[in-house]
């Protein structure tokens, strides 16, 4: 009986409460980027060993963007980018690669590495 009580106390002491630390809110989509001579907003995105930075880009519904991917890690996984249902685009190491996209009317347009391990989104935000 004493053993059962000790085991229960030990388990209770080891259990982690989910509310010990408040969860950080998800990062807000990035609205940065510079308007190029073509009149489009160019958004730089780093493709590295941890995925994409930034991985959420906000835009006005219907806005045309140029996502400028630069691969900074020598990893096969991020050597290609797939945006929506378009064909994969090669991302040469250290060379900025432009990918033109249109922000959807609502919702998100996803992008992922060639192995579908790392993901990002272009998010429609009317006030962006």
N, C-alpha and C. Protein backbone atom coordinates (compact mmCIF):
# COMPACT_ATOMS: atom_id res chain seq x y z
N UNK A 1 0.82 -1.19 0.00
CA UNK A 1 0.00 0.00 0.00
C UNK A 1 0.87 1.26 0.00
N UNK A 2 1.93 1.23 0.80
CA UNK A 2 2.83 2.36 0.88
C UNK A 2 3.55 2.53 -0.46
N UNK A 3 3.91 1.40 -1.09
CA UNK A 3 4.58 1.46 -2.39
C UNK A 3 3.69 2.13 -3.43
N UNK A 4 2.44 1.78 -3.42
CA UNK A 4 1.50 2.36 -4.38
C UNK A 4 1.42 3.86 -4.18
N UNK A 5 1.35 4.29 -2.95
CA UNK A 5 1.28 5.71 -2.65
C UNK A 5 2.56 6.42 -3.10
N UNK A 6 3.73 5.80 -2.89
CA UNK A 6 4.98 6.40 -3.31
C UNK A 6 5.08 6.48 -4.83
N UNK A 7 4.62 5.44 -5.51
CA UNK A 7 4.64 5.45 -6.97
C UNK A 7 3.72 6.55 -7.49
N UNK A 8 2.56 6.69 -6.91
CA UNK A 8 1.62 7.74 -7.33
C UNK A 8 2.21 9.12 -7.11
N UNK A 9 2.85 9.32 -5.96
CA UNK A 9 3.48 10.61 -5.68
C UNK A 9 4.62 10.89 -6.65
N UNK A 10 5.41 9.87 -6.95
CA UNK A 10 6.51 10.05 -7.90
C UNK A 10 5.99 10.40 -9.28
N UNK A 11 4.96 9.71 -9.73
CA UNK A 11 4.38 10.01 -11.03
C UNK A 11 3.79 11.42 -11.07
N UNK A 12 3.14 11.81 -10.00
CA UNK A 12 2.57 13.15 -9.95
C UNK A 12 3.66 14.21 -9.99
N UNK A 13 4.78 13.95 -9.33
CA UNK A 13 5.88 14.91 -9.32
C UNK A 13 6.54 15.01 -10.68
N UNK A 14 6.54 13.91 -11.43
CA UNK A 14 7.20 13.90 -12.74
C UNK A 14 6.31 14.41 -13.85
N UNK A 15 5.04 14.42 -13.63
CA UNK A 15 4.15 14.84 -14.72
C UNK A 15 4.31 16.33 -14.98
N UNK A 16 4.28 16.67 -16.25
CA UNK A 16 4.45 18.06 -16.66
C UNK A 16 3.08 18.67 -16.89
N UNK A 17 2.86 19.79 -16.27
CA UNK A 17 1.60 20.49 -16.48
C UNK A 17 1.67 21.26 -17.78
N UNK A 18 0.64 21.15 -18.59
CA UNK A 18 0.63 21.84 -19.88
C UNK A 18 0.45 23.35 -19.72
N UNK A 19 -0.04 23.77 -18.57
CA UNK A 19 -0.27 25.20 -18.39
C UNK A 19 0.84 25.87 -17.59
N UNK A 20 1.97 25.16 -17.36
CA UNK A 20 3.09 25.77 -16.63
C UNK A 20 3.63 27.00 -17.35
N UNK A 21 3.80 26.88 -18.65
CA UNK A 21 4.31 27.98 -19.44
C UNK A 21 3.25 28.40 -20.45
N UNK A 22 2.97 29.66 -20.52
CA UNK A 22 2.00 30.08 -21.54
C UNK A 22 2.61 29.89 -22.92
N UNK A 23 1.79 29.39 -23.83
CA UNK A 23 2.27 29.21 -25.20
C UNK A 23 2.41 30.55 -25.88
N UNK A 24 3.50 30.67 -26.61
CA UNK A 24 3.73 31.90 -27.37
C UNK A 24 2.77 31.92 -28.56
N UNK A 25 2.24 33.08 -28.88
CA UNK A 25 1.35 33.15 -30.04
C UNK A 25 2.15 32.85 -31.30
N UNK A 26 1.49 32.28 -32.31
CA UNK A 26 2.22 32.02 -33.55
C UNK A 26 2.72 33.33 -34.14
N UNK A 27 3.88 33.29 -34.82
CA UNK A 27 4.41 34.53 -35.37
C UNK A 27 3.46 35.12 -36.41
N UNK A 28 3.38 36.44 -36.41
CA UNK A 28 2.52 37.12 -37.38
C UNK A 28 3.14 37.01 -38.77
N UNK A 29 2.31 36.94 -39.79
CA UNK A 29 2.86 36.90 -41.14
C UNK A 29 3.65 38.17 -41.46
N UNK A 30 4.70 38.01 -42.21
CA UNK A 30 5.56 39.12 -42.60
C UNK A 30 4.91 39.90 -43.74
N UNK A 31 4.89 41.21 -43.61
CA UNK A 31 4.35 42.04 -44.69
C UNK A 31 5.46 42.87 -45.33
N UNK A 32 6.70 42.61 -44.95
CA UNK A 32 7.83 43.37 -45.46
C UNK A 32 8.17 42.99 -46.89
N UNK A 33 9.16 43.64 -47.39
CA UNK A 33 9.62 43.44 -48.76
C UNK A 33 9.74 44.79 -49.42
N UNK A 34 10.47 44.84 -50.50
CA UNK A 34 10.65 46.10 -51.19
C UNK A 34 9.99 46.03 -52.56
N UNK A 35 9.40 47.15 -52.96
CA UNK A 35 8.80 47.23 -54.28
C UNK A 35 9.93 47.43 -55.29
N UNK A 36 9.99 46.53 -56.26
CA UNK A 36 11.03 46.59 -57.27
C UNK A 36 10.66 47.51 -58.42
N UNK A 37 11.55 47.63 -59.38
CA UNK A 37 11.31 48.47 -60.55
C UNK A 37 10.15 47.93 -61.39
N UNK A 38 9.80 46.66 -61.16
CA UNK A 38 8.67 46.06 -61.87
C UNK A 38 7.33 46.38 -61.21
N UNK A 39 7.37 47.12 -60.08
CA UNK A 39 6.16 47.50 -59.37
C UNK A 39 5.64 46.42 -58.44
N UNK A 40 6.34 45.30 -58.34
CA UNK A 40 5.91 44.20 -57.48
C UNK A 40 6.72 44.20 -56.19
N UNK A 41 6.10 43.71 -55.13
CA UNK A 41 6.79 43.60 -53.85
C UNK A 41 7.64 42.33 -53.87
N UNK A 42 8.93 42.50 -53.60
CA UNK A 42 9.88 41.39 -53.57
C UNK A 42 10.14 41.04 -52.11
N UNK A 43 9.87 39.79 -51.73
CA UNK A 43 10.00 39.36 -50.35
C UNK A 43 11.16 38.36 -50.25
N UNK A 44 12.25 38.73 -49.56
CA UNK A 44 13.37 37.80 -49.42
C UNK A 44 13.03 36.70 -48.42
N UNK A 45 13.35 35.45 -48.80
CA UNK A 45 13.12 34.28 -47.94
C UNK A 45 14.39 33.45 -47.93
N UNK A 46 14.90 33.17 -46.75
CA UNK A 46 16.08 32.32 -46.63
C UNK A 46 15.63 30.88 -46.48
N UNK A 47 16.19 30.00 -47.30
CA UNK A 47 15.97 28.55 -47.18
C UNK A 47 17.20 27.99 -46.50
N UNK A 48 17.04 27.53 -45.25
CA UNK A 48 18.19 27.05 -44.49
C UNK A 48 17.88 25.69 -43.88
N UNK A 49 18.76 25.18 -43.04
CA UNK A 49 18.59 23.84 -42.48
C UNK A 49 17.36 23.72 -41.59
N UNK A 50 16.80 24.85 -41.15
CA UNK A 50 15.62 24.83 -40.29
C UNK A 50 14.33 25.10 -41.05
N UNK A 51 14.42 25.35 -42.35
CA UNK A 51 13.23 25.64 -43.14
C UNK A 51 13.33 26.99 -43.81
N UNK A 52 12.24 27.76 -43.73
CA UNK A 52 12.16 29.05 -44.42
C UNK A 52 12.02 30.19 -43.42
N UNK A 53 12.74 31.27 -43.69
CA UNK A 53 12.66 32.45 -42.83
C UNK A 53 12.48 33.67 -43.72
N UNK A 54 11.32 34.32 -43.65
CA UNK A 54 10.13 33.97 -42.89
C UNK A 54 9.36 32.83 -43.57
N UNK A 55 8.47 32.20 -42.80
CA UNK A 55 7.67 31.13 -43.36
C UNK A 55 6.19 31.52 -43.52
N UNK A 56 5.87 32.76 -43.15
CA UNK A 56 4.51 33.29 -43.35
C UNK A 56 4.62 34.69 -43.94
N UNK A 57 4.03 34.87 -45.12
CA UNK A 57 4.07 36.15 -45.81
C UNK A 57 2.64 36.61 -46.03
N UNK A 58 2.32 37.81 -45.58
CA UNK A 58 0.98 38.36 -45.75
C UNK A 58 0.94 39.23 -46.99
N UNK A 59 -0.20 39.23 -47.65
CA UNK A 59 -0.39 40.08 -48.81
C UNK A 59 -1.86 40.40 -49.00
N UNK A 60 -2.11 41.43 -49.78
CA UNK A 60 -3.48 41.79 -50.10
C UNK A 60 -4.04 40.77 -51.08
N UNK A 61 -5.29 40.39 -50.94
CA UNK A 61 -5.88 39.44 -51.88
C UNK A 61 -5.67 39.91 -53.33
N UNK A 62 -5.12 39.01 -54.16
CA UNK A 62 -4.87 39.33 -55.56
C UNK A 62 -3.56 40.03 -55.83
N UNK A 63 -2.82 40.40 -54.76
CA UNK A 63 -1.53 41.09 -54.94
C UNK A 63 -0.52 40.14 -55.57
N UNK A 64 0.22 40.66 -56.52
CA UNK A 64 1.29 39.89 -57.15
C UNK A 64 2.58 40.14 -56.37
N UNK A 65 3.26 39.05 -55.99
CA UNK A 65 4.50 39.13 -55.22
C UNK A 65 5.60 38.38 -55.95
N UNK A 66 6.82 38.71 -55.61
CA UNK A 66 7.97 37.92 -56.04
C UNK A 66 8.64 37.43 -54.76
N UNK A 67 8.59 36.12 -54.56
CA UNK A 67 9.28 35.53 -53.42
C UNK A 67 10.71 35.26 -53.87
N UNK A 68 11.67 35.82 -53.17
CA UNK A 68 13.08 35.69 -53.55
C UNK A 68 13.74 34.71 -52.57
N UNK A 69 13.83 33.45 -52.99
CA UNK A 69 14.40 32.40 -52.16
C UNK A 69 15.91 32.37 -52.33
N UNK A 70 16.63 32.33 -51.21
CA UNK A 70 18.07 32.15 -51.24
C UNK A 70 18.39 30.96 -50.33
N UNK A 71 18.93 29.91 -50.92
CA UNK A 71 19.30 28.72 -50.14
C UNK A 71 20.67 28.94 -49.53
N UNK A 72 20.74 28.84 -48.19
CA UNK A 72 21.99 29.10 -47.48
C UNK A 72 22.58 27.85 -46.85
N UNK A 73 21.93 26.71 -47.04
CA UNK A 73 22.44 25.45 -46.48
C UNK A 73 22.59 24.44 -47.60
N UNK A 74 23.66 23.67 -47.53
CA UNK A 74 23.90 22.64 -48.54
C UNK A 74 23.12 21.39 -48.16
N UNK A 75 21.83 21.43 -48.43
CA UNK A 75 20.93 20.33 -48.08
C UNK A 75 20.08 19.98 -49.29
N UNK A 76 20.02 18.71 -49.60
CA UNK A 76 19.21 18.24 -50.73
C UNK A 76 17.73 18.58 -50.53
N UNK A 77 17.28 18.52 -49.30
CA UNK A 77 15.86 18.74 -49.00
C UNK A 77 15.38 20.10 -49.49
N UNK A 78 16.14 21.13 -49.25
CA UNK A 78 15.69 22.48 -49.62
C UNK A 78 16.28 22.95 -50.94
N UNK A 79 16.75 22.02 -51.75
CA UNK A 79 17.32 22.40 -53.04
C UNK A 79 16.25 22.69 -54.09
N UNK A 80 14.98 22.45 -53.73
CA UNK A 80 13.87 22.79 -54.62
C UNK A 80 12.75 23.40 -53.79
N UNK A 81 11.92 24.20 -54.47
CA UNK A 81 10.73 24.78 -53.83
C UNK A 81 9.53 24.49 -54.72
N UNK A 82 8.44 24.08 -54.07
CA UNK A 82 7.17 23.86 -54.77
C UNK A 82 6.18 24.88 -54.22
N UNK A 83 5.56 25.65 -55.10
CA UNK A 83 4.58 26.64 -54.68
C UNK A 83 3.23 26.23 -55.26
N UNK A 84 2.27 25.99 -54.37
CA UNK A 84 0.96 25.54 -54.83
C UNK A 84 1.10 24.29 -55.67
N UNK A 85 0.41 24.26 -56.81
CA UNK A 85 0.47 23.09 -57.69
C UNK A 85 1.46 23.28 -58.83
N UNK A 86 2.26 24.34 -58.78
CA UNK A 86 3.25 24.60 -59.83
C UNK A 86 4.39 23.59 -59.76
N UNK A 87 5.12 23.49 -60.86
CA UNK A 87 6.27 22.59 -60.92
C UNK A 87 7.36 23.06 -59.95
N UNK A 88 8.14 22.13 -59.42
CA UNK A 88 9.23 22.51 -58.52
C UNK A 88 10.25 23.41 -59.23
N UNK A 89 10.84 24.32 -58.44
CA UNK A 89 11.87 25.23 -58.94
C UNK A 89 13.16 24.93 -58.20
N UNK A 90 14.27 24.79 -58.93
CA UNK A 90 15.56 24.55 -58.29
C UNK A 90 16.04 25.80 -57.57
N UNK A 91 16.64 25.59 -56.39
CA UNK A 91 17.23 26.68 -55.61
C UNK A 91 18.73 26.44 -55.50
N UNK A 92 19.51 27.05 -56.40
CA UNK A 92 20.96 26.88 -56.32
C UNK A 92 21.50 27.48 -55.02
N UNK A 93 22.50 26.85 -54.45
CA UNK A 93 23.10 27.31 -53.21
C UNK A 93 23.67 28.72 -53.37
N UNK A 94 23.22 29.64 -52.50
CA UNK A 94 23.75 30.99 -52.45
C UNK A 94 23.28 31.93 -53.55
N UNK A 95 22.37 31.49 -54.41
CA UNK A 95 21.93 32.35 -55.52
C UNK A 95 20.44 32.68 -55.34
N UNK A 96 20.09 33.96 -55.21
CA UNK A 96 18.68 34.33 -55.09
C UNK A 96 17.88 33.86 -56.32
N UNK A 97 16.74 33.27 -56.05
CA UNK A 97 15.88 32.74 -57.11
C UNK A 97 14.48 33.33 -56.95
N UNK A 98 14.00 34.02 -57.99
CA UNK A 98 12.68 34.66 -57.95
C UNK A 98 11.58 33.66 -58.30
N UNK A 99 10.52 33.68 -57.50
CA UNK A 99 9.33 32.88 -57.77
C UNK A 99 8.13 33.81 -57.68
N UNK A 100 7.46 34.03 -58.82
CA UNK A 100 6.31 34.93 -58.85
C UNK A 100 5.07 34.17 -58.34
N UNK A 101 4.30 34.84 -57.48
CA UNK A 101 3.06 34.26 -56.96
C UNK A 101 1.99 35.35 -56.91
N UNK A 102 0.76 34.92 -56.81
CA UNK A 102 -0.36 35.83 -56.59
C UNK A 102 -1.02 35.43 -55.29
N UNK A 103 -1.22 36.38 -54.40
CA UNK A 103 -1.87 36.13 -53.13
C UNK A 103 -3.30 35.67 -53.43
N UNK A 104 -3.76 34.58 -52.81
CA UNK A 104 -5.13 34.11 -53.08
C UNK A 104 -6.17 35.12 -52.58
N UNK A 105 -7.37 35.02 -53.12
CA UNK A 105 -8.46 35.90 -52.71
C UNK A 105 -8.77 35.72 -51.22
N UNK A 106 -8.71 34.50 -50.76
CA UNK A 106 -8.90 34.18 -49.33
C UNK A 106 -8.00 33.01 -48.99
N UNK A 107 -7.69 32.86 -47.73
CA UNK A 107 -6.92 31.71 -47.29
C UNK A 107 -5.44 31.83 -47.53
N UNK A 108 -4.82 30.71 -47.88
CA UNK A 108 -3.37 30.63 -47.98
C UNK A 108 -2.93 29.93 -49.27
N UNK A 109 -1.73 30.28 -49.69
CA UNK A 109 -1.05 29.58 -50.78
C UNK A 109 0.20 28.99 -50.15
N UNK A 110 0.30 27.67 -50.17
CA UNK A 110 1.42 27.01 -49.52
C UNK A 110 2.63 26.84 -50.41
N UNK A 111 3.80 26.78 -49.78
CA UNK A 111 5.02 26.40 -50.48
C UNK A 111 5.76 25.41 -49.59
N UNK A 112 6.54 24.51 -50.24
CA UNK A 112 7.23 23.47 -49.51
C UNK A 112 8.51 23.08 -50.24
N UNK A 113 9.40 22.46 -49.49
CA UNK A 113 10.64 21.97 -50.09
C UNK A 113 10.31 20.77 -50.99
N UNK A 114 11.28 20.35 -51.75
CA UNK A 114 11.09 19.24 -52.67
C UNK A 114 10.72 17.94 -51.99
N UNK A 115 11.11 17.77 -50.73
CA UNK A 115 10.79 16.55 -49.99
C UNK A 115 9.54 16.73 -49.11
N UNK A 116 8.92 17.90 -49.18
CA UNK A 116 7.71 18.20 -48.42
C UNK A 116 7.92 18.13 -46.90
N UNK A 117 9.12 18.48 -46.46
CA UNK A 117 9.41 18.47 -45.03
C UNK A 117 9.27 19.85 -44.40
N UNK A 118 9.63 20.90 -45.15
CA UNK A 118 9.54 22.26 -44.65
C UNK A 118 8.47 23.00 -45.43
N UNK A 119 7.71 23.82 -44.72
CA UNK A 119 6.56 24.50 -45.34
C UNK A 119 6.53 25.97 -44.99
N UNK A 120 5.83 26.71 -45.81
CA UNK A 120 5.54 28.12 -45.57
C UNK A 120 4.25 28.46 -46.27
N UNK A 121 3.74 29.66 -46.02
CA UNK A 121 2.49 30.08 -46.63
C UNK A 121 2.51 31.57 -46.99
N UNK A 122 1.76 31.88 -48.03
CA UNK A 122 1.43 33.25 -48.37
C UNK A 122 -0.03 33.39 -47.94
N UNK A 123 -0.29 34.34 -47.04
CA UNK A 123 -1.61 34.48 -46.42
C UNK A 123 -2.32 35.72 -46.95
N UNK A 124 -3.57 35.54 -47.33
CA UNK A 124 -4.39 36.67 -47.78
C UNK A 124 -4.86 37.46 -46.56
N UNK A 125 -4.50 38.75 -46.50
CA UNK A 125 -4.95 39.64 -45.44
C UNK A 125 -5.39 40.93 -46.07
N UNK A 126 -6.69 41.20 -46.07
CA UNK A 126 -7.21 42.39 -46.74
C UNK A 126 -6.53 43.70 -46.33
N UNK A 127 -6.09 43.82 -45.08
CA UNK A 127 -5.48 45.07 -44.63
C UNK A 127 -3.96 45.11 -44.78
N UNK A 128 -3.40 44.09 -45.39
CA UNK A 128 -1.92 44.03 -45.49
C UNK A 128 -1.35 45.10 -46.38
